[in-house]
Amino acid sequence: MSVRRIRTSVITFALAAAAALGVAGPAAASDSAAAGGYVALGDSYSSGVGAGSYLSDSGDCRRSTKAYPYLWQAANSPASFDFVACSGATTSSVAGTQLGVLDASTSLVSVTAGGNDVGFASVMQDCVLGSEATCISRVNNAVSQMNNSLPGRLDSLYDGIRSRAPRAQVVVLGYPRFYQLSGSCIAGLTEAERTAINKASDALNGVIAKRAADAGFAFSSVVDEFTGHELCSGDAWLHSVTLPVYNSYHPKAAGQSGGYLPAFRSAV
């Protein structure tokens, strides 16, 4: 995959970009984070799938100028910016294809990973197309993977990040709950299916938070930021089933700027 290496140094450009994107002026990032290099790792929730405005050289990774890493660098002008997050990435593919841009000068790293390891996309497909029993069974199987195989995979990824960027501040971000229960949706999944999916999201976030803490990394949840903006809320920051299909169940531009960016900014 191609790697988008973006270097920014002009403060006026960063401020103008932030204003054009409608991003509220953030509290100043820590000096060490802004002064050094920032590397954005991870899967589609970090690359910005669903937000549109994809960088032309990012191909199927679909890295968006409306994704939270791009918005943060525009507002804070780190010494260098390596945006390598990629749609479909797992913990192993992040470790195998994205860590090469890390080095001793890296001062800040963000990462989302884990959802694809437990078959997020196929679980949602089965829930949309199958029966309630099939959906809940697939969700329960994913939760079993979260508890059994995912912790070791996360540990391996986090060890790789730390070994390549020994002095970096690392922020691990979680995933939103998808549904507002007893919300405005009158069709689609049943309330039992939505409840099971939300509980699975909580379980996934719990595993990721624990492994991040044990690695000495910061974990930043996005659940609070997305509360009131889930599917069935009437003001969703997430796509439901949509075309193109790859946008389904991913944050819209508003979810990146209003959800992920504040969650990331609060941890830096």
Protein backbone atom coordinates (compact mmCIF):
# COMPACT_ATOMS: atom_id res chain seq x y z
CA MET A 1 0.00 0.00 0.00
CA SER A 2 1.14 3.53 -0.54
CA VAL A 3 2.20 5.59 2.45
CA ARG A 4 1.03 9.14 2.76
CA ARG A 5 3.87 11.09 4.38
CA ILE A 6 2.79 14.60 5.05
CA ARG A 7 5.00 17.26 6.61
CA THR A 8 3.48 20.47 7.85
CA SER A 9 5.37 23.47 9.17
CA VAL A 10 3.36 26.64 8.48
CA ILE A 11 1.17 27.59 11.44
CA THR A 12 -1.08 29.88 9.42
CA PHE A 13 -1.91 27.06 7.03
CA ALA A 14 -2.82 24.78 9.93
CA LEU A 15 -5.11 27.37 11.47
CA ALA A 16 -6.80 28.06 8.15
CA ALA A 17 -7.32 24.34 7.53
CA ALA A 18 -8.85 23.88 10.96
CA ALA A 19 -11.19 26.83 10.43
CA ALA A 20 -12.24 25.59 6.98
CA LEU A 21 -13.09 22.19 8.44
CA GLY A 22 -15.20 23.77 11.17
CA VAL A 23 -13.00 22.41 13.94
CA ALA A 24 -13.19 24.33 17.18
CA GLY A 25 -9.86 25.61 18.39
CA PRO A 26 -8.42 22.89 20.62
CA ALA A 27 -6.53 23.27 23.82
CA ALA A 28 -2.84 23.36 23.01
CA ALA A 29 -1.27 19.93 22.59
CA SER A 30 1.57 19.01 24.89
CA ASP A 31 4.87 20.52 23.75
CA SER A 32 6.47 17.12 23.25
CA ALA A 33 3.56 15.84 21.15
CA ALA A 34 3.49 18.87 18.86
CA ALA A 35 7.26 19.24 18.60
CA GLY A 36 8.01 15.71 17.43
CA GLY A 37 6.67 13.39 14.78
CA TYR A 38 3.09 12.09 14.82
CA VAL A 39 2.24 8.67 13.36
CA ALA A 40 -1.38 7.58 12.83
CA LEU A 41 -1.73 3.79 12.75
CA GLY A 42 -4.73 1.53 12.62
CA ASP A 43 -7.81 0.40 10.77
CA SER A 44 -10.69 2.12 8.97
CA TYR A 45 -11.81 4.00 12.07
CA SER A 46 -8.48 5.84 11.98
CA SER A 47 -8.13 6.07 8.20
CA GLY A 48 -11.53 7.76 8.01
CA VAL A 49 -13.62 5.34 5.97
CA GLY A 50 -17.12 6.78 5.82
CA ALA A 51 -15.96 10.40 6.11
CA GLY A 52 -15.23 10.93 2.39
CA SER A 53 -12.57 13.24 0.96
CA TYR A 54 -10.06 10.42 0.54
CA LEU A 55 -6.44 11.16 -0.29
CA SER A 56 -5.76 10.25 -3.89
CA ASP A 57 -2.68 8.17 -3.14
CA SER A 58 -4.27 6.10 -0.36
CA GLY A 59 -6.10 3.66 -2.63
CA ASP A 60 -8.23 1.08 -0.85
CA CYS A 61 -6.87 2.25 2.52
CA ARG A 62 -9.19 5.26 2.09
CA ARG A 63 -7.34 7.77 4.23
CA SER A 64 -9.51 10.83 4.62
CA THR A 65 -8.68 14.49 5.13
CA LYS A 66 -11.70 14.47 7.49
CA ALA A 67 -10.29 11.70 9.69
CA TYR A 68 -9.23 12.65 13.21
CA PRO A 69 -5.46 12.17 12.58
CA TYR A 70 -5.53 14.57 9.64
CA LEU A 71 -7.62 17.11 11.56
CA TRP A 72 -5.28 16.94 14.56
CA GLN A 73 -2.12 17.49 12.52
CA ALA A 74 -3.70 20.40 10.64
CA ALA A 75 -4.45 22.14 13.93
CA ASN A 76 -1.19 21.32 15.74
CA SER A 77 1.58 21.25 13.10
CA PRO A 78 3.71 18.37 14.35
CA ALA A 79 7.26 18.24 12.99
CA SER A 80 6.21 15.35 10.74
CA PHE A 81 3.03 13.41 10.07
CA ASP A 82 2.86 9.82 8.84
CA PHE A 83 -0.71 8.79 8.08
CA VAL A 84 -0.59 5.03 7.45
CA ALA A 85 -3.90 3.77 8.89
CA CYS A 86 -5.67 1.51 6.42
CA SER A 87 -9.15 0.13 5.89
CA GLY A 88 -9.40 -3.55 6.80
CA ALA A 89 -6.29 -3.55 8.97
CA THR A 90 -5.94 -6.13 11.74
CA THR A 91 -3.49 -6.11 14.61
CA SER A 92 -1.13 -8.31 12.57
CA SER A 93 -1.33 -6.20 9.40
CA VAL A 94 -0.75 -3.02 11.40
CA ALA A 95 2.31 -4.68 12.93
CA GLY A 96 3.50 -6.04 9.60
CA THR A 97 2.93 -3.09 7.27
CA GLN A 98 2.54 0.12 9.26
CA LEU A 99 5.22 0.19 11.95
CA GLY A 100 8.10 0.90 9.58
CA VAL A 101 7.49 4.65 9.83
CA LEU A 102 8.09 4.64 13.59
CA ASP A 103 11.48 5.57 14.97
CA ALA A 104 13.17 7.15 17.95
CA SER A 105 12.06 10.62 16.86
CA THR A 106 8.36 9.70 16.93
CA SER A 107 6.76 11.55 19.82
CA LEU A 108 3.06 10.73 19.31
CA VAL A 109 1.23 7.65 18.03
CA SER A 110 -2.50 7.00 17.66
CA VAL A 111 -3.99 3.60 16.86
CA THR A 112 -7.30 1.78 16.51
CA ALA A 113 -7.11 -1.98 16.01
CA GLY A 114 -8.98 -5.08 17.09
CA GLY A 115 -12.36 -4.85 15.40
CA ASN A 116 -11.27 -6.66 12.26
CA ASP A 117 -9.53 -9.38 14.29
CA VAL A 118 -12.90 -10.50 15.61
CA GLY A 119 -14.65 -10.34 12.24
CA PHE A 120 -16.54 -7.09 12.70
CA ALA A 121 -17.60 -6.77 9.05
CA SER A 122 -18.83 -10.35 8.67
CA VAL A 123 -20.70 -10.21 12.00
CA MET A 124 -22.63 -7.14 10.90
CA GLN A 125 -23.35 -8.72 7.50
CA ASP A 126 -24.77 -11.81 9.17
CA CYS A 127 -26.86 -9.67 11.50
CA VAL A 128 -28.33 -7.68 8.62
CA LEU A 129 -29.00 -10.67 6.37
CA GLY A 130 -29.67 -13.47 8.85
CA SER A 131 -32.05 -14.29 11.64
CA GLU A 132 -31.96 -12.88 15.15
CA ALA A 133 -30.59 -16.20 16.44
CA THR A 134 -27.84 -16.20 13.82
CA CYS A 135 -26.90 -12.62 14.64
CA ILE A 136 -26.69 -13.17 18.38
CA SER A 137 -24.71 -16.38 17.89
CA ARG A 138 -22.19 -14.58 15.67
CA VAL A 139 -21.91 -11.73 18.15
CA ASN A 140 -21.28 -14.17 21.01
CA ASN A 141 -18.60 -15.91 18.97
CA ALA A 142 -16.89 -12.57 18.37
CA VAL A 143 -16.98 -11.82 22.11
CA SER A 144 -15.33 -15.19 22.74
CA GLN A 145 -12.52 -14.21 20.36
CA MET A 146 -12.18 -10.87 22.15
CA ASN A 147 -11.64 -12.64 25.44
CA ASN A 148 -9.42 -15.46 24.21
CA SER A 149 -7.28 -14.60 21.19
CA LEU A 150 -7.39 -10.82 20.93
CA PRO A 151 -5.45 -9.94 24.11
CA GLY A 152 -2.30 -11.68 22.88
CA ARG A 153 -2.58 -10.07 19.46
CA LEU A 154 -2.91 -6.63 21.01
CA ASP A 155 0.06 -7.30 23.28
CA SER A 156 2.17 -8.22 20.26
CA LEU A 157 1.17 -5.06 18.39
CA TYR A 158 1.74 -2.81 21.38
CA ASP A 159 5.16 -4.39 22.01
CA GLY A 160 6.08 -3.64 18.40
CA ILE A 161 5.00 -0.02 18.70
CA ARG A 162 6.97 0.49 21.92
CA SER A 163 10.13 -1.15 20.60
CA ARG A 164 10.20 1.04 17.49
CA ALA A 165 9.10 4.29 19.18
CA PRO A 166 10.49 4.01 22.70
CA ARG A 167 9.83 7.61 23.73
CA ALA A 168 6.47 8.16 22.02
CA GLN A 169 3.22 8.97 23.75
CA VAL A 170 0.82 6.29 22.46
CA VAL A 171 -2.95 6.85 22.45
CA VAL A 172 -5.17 3.84 21.78
CA LEU A 173 -8.73 4.75 20.81
CA GLY A 174 -11.77 2.52 21.16
CA TYR A 175 -14.95 2.02 19.16
CA PRO A 176 -18.41 3.59 19.59
CA ARG A 177 -21.58 1.81 20.57
CA PHE A 178 -23.62 1.51 17.39
CA TYR A 179 -27.18 1.86 18.62
CA GLN A 180 -29.33 4.03 20.80
CA LEU A 181 -31.67 1.49 22.36
CA SER A 182 -35.40 2.21 22.28
CA GLY A 183 -34.55 4.82 19.67
CA SER A 184 -36.17 6.11 16.53
CA CYS A 185 -35.52 3.12 14.23
CA ILE A 186 -38.71 1.38 13.16
CA ALA A 187 -37.10 -1.26 10.90
CA GLY A 188 -33.89 -3.22 10.59
CA LEU A 189 -32.34 -5.18 13.43
CA THR A 190 -34.36 -6.22 16.45
CA GLU A 191 -33.82 -4.59 19.83
CA ALA A 192 -32.23 -7.83 21.07
CA GLU A 193 -29.73 -7.74 18.21
CA ARG A 194 -28.90 -4.09 18.85
CA THR A 195 -28.43 -4.80 22.55
CA ALA A 196 -26.08 -7.70 21.82
CA ILE A 197 -24.02 -5.60 19.39
CA ASN A 198 -23.70 -2.76 21.93
CA LYS A 199 -22.59 -5.20 24.63
CA ALA A 200 -20.01 -6.63 22.25
CA SER A 201 -18.68 -3.14 21.60
CA ASP A 202 -18.34 -2.60 25.35
CA ALA A 203 -16.53 -5.92 25.69
CA LEU A 204 -14.14 -5.04 22.88
CA ASN A 205 -13.38 -1.67 24.41
CA GLY A 206 -12.78 -3.33 27.77
CA VAL A 207 -10.22 -5.73 26.34
CA ILE A 208 -8.43 -2.99 24.41
CA ALA A 209 -8.37 -0.66 27.43
CA LYS A 210 -6.85 -3.37 29.64
CA ARG A 211 -4.13 -4.32 27.18
CA ALA A 212 -3.33 -0.65 26.51
CA ALA A 213 -3.00 0.06 30.22
CA ASP A 214 -0.72 -2.93 30.72
CA ALA A 215 1.47 -1.64 27.87
CA GLY A 216 1.68 1.77 29.50
CA PHE A 217 -0.40 3.41 26.77
CA ALA A 218 -3.29 5.82 27.17
CA PHE A 219 -6.73 4.51 26.22
CA SER A 220 -9.36 7.00 25.11
CA SER A 221 -12.95 5.83 24.78
CA VAL A 222 -15.23 7.46 22.23
CA VAL A 223 -18.46 6.15 23.77
CA ASP A 224 -19.26 9.37 25.63
CA GLU A 225 -18.63 11.50 22.55
CA PHE A 226 -20.96 9.35 20.42
CA THR A 227 -23.72 9.15 23.04
CA GLY A 228 -26.77 10.79 21.50
CA HIS A 229 -25.34 10.27 18.02
CA GLU A 230 -25.67 6.51 17.66
CA LEU A 231 -27.80 4.84 15.01
CA CYS A 232 -31.51 5.25 15.90
CA SER A 233 -30.76 8.51 17.73
CA GLY A 234 -32.14 10.76 15.01
CA ASP A 235 -28.75 12.48 14.73
CA ALA A 236 -26.42 9.61 13.88
CA TRP A 237 -22.70 10.18 13.40
CA LEU A 238 -22.46 6.64 12.01
CA HIS A 239 -23.58 5.23 8.69
CA SER A 240 -26.10 2.42 8.77
CA VAL A 241 -26.27 0.05 5.80
CA THR A 242 -25.45 2.28 2.85
CA LEU A 243 -23.77 2.53 -0.52
CA PRO A 244 -20.92 2.23 -1.10
CA VAL A 245 -21.08 -0.75 1.23
CA TYR A 246 -17.67 -0.10 2.76
CA ASN A 247 -19.07 3.04 4.44
CA SER A 248 -21.60 0.99 6.41
CA TYR A 249 -21.16 1.11 10.19
CA HIS A 250 -18.34 3.64 9.99
CA PRO A 251 -18.24 7.20 11.35
CA LYS A 252 -19.38 10.02 9.13
CA ALA A 253 -17.27 13.18 8.94
CA ALA A 254 -19.19 14.45 11.98
CA GLY A 255 -18.21 11.33 13.90
CA GLN A 256 -14.55 11.96 13.17
CA SER A 257 -14.60 15.68 14.04
CA GLY A 258 -17.13 15.53 16.86
CA GLY A 259 -16.34 12.09 18.26
CA TYR A 260 -12.85 10.79 17.56
CA LEU A 261 -10.99 14.10 17.41
CA PRO A 262 -12.09 15.30 20.89
CA ALA A 263 -11.41 11.85 22.35
CA PHE A 264 -7.91 11.87 20.90
CA ARG A 265 -7.26 15.48 21.81
CA SER A 266 -8.24 14.85 25.44
CA ALA A 267 -5.51 12.23 25.76
CA VAL A 268 -2.65 14.15 24.14
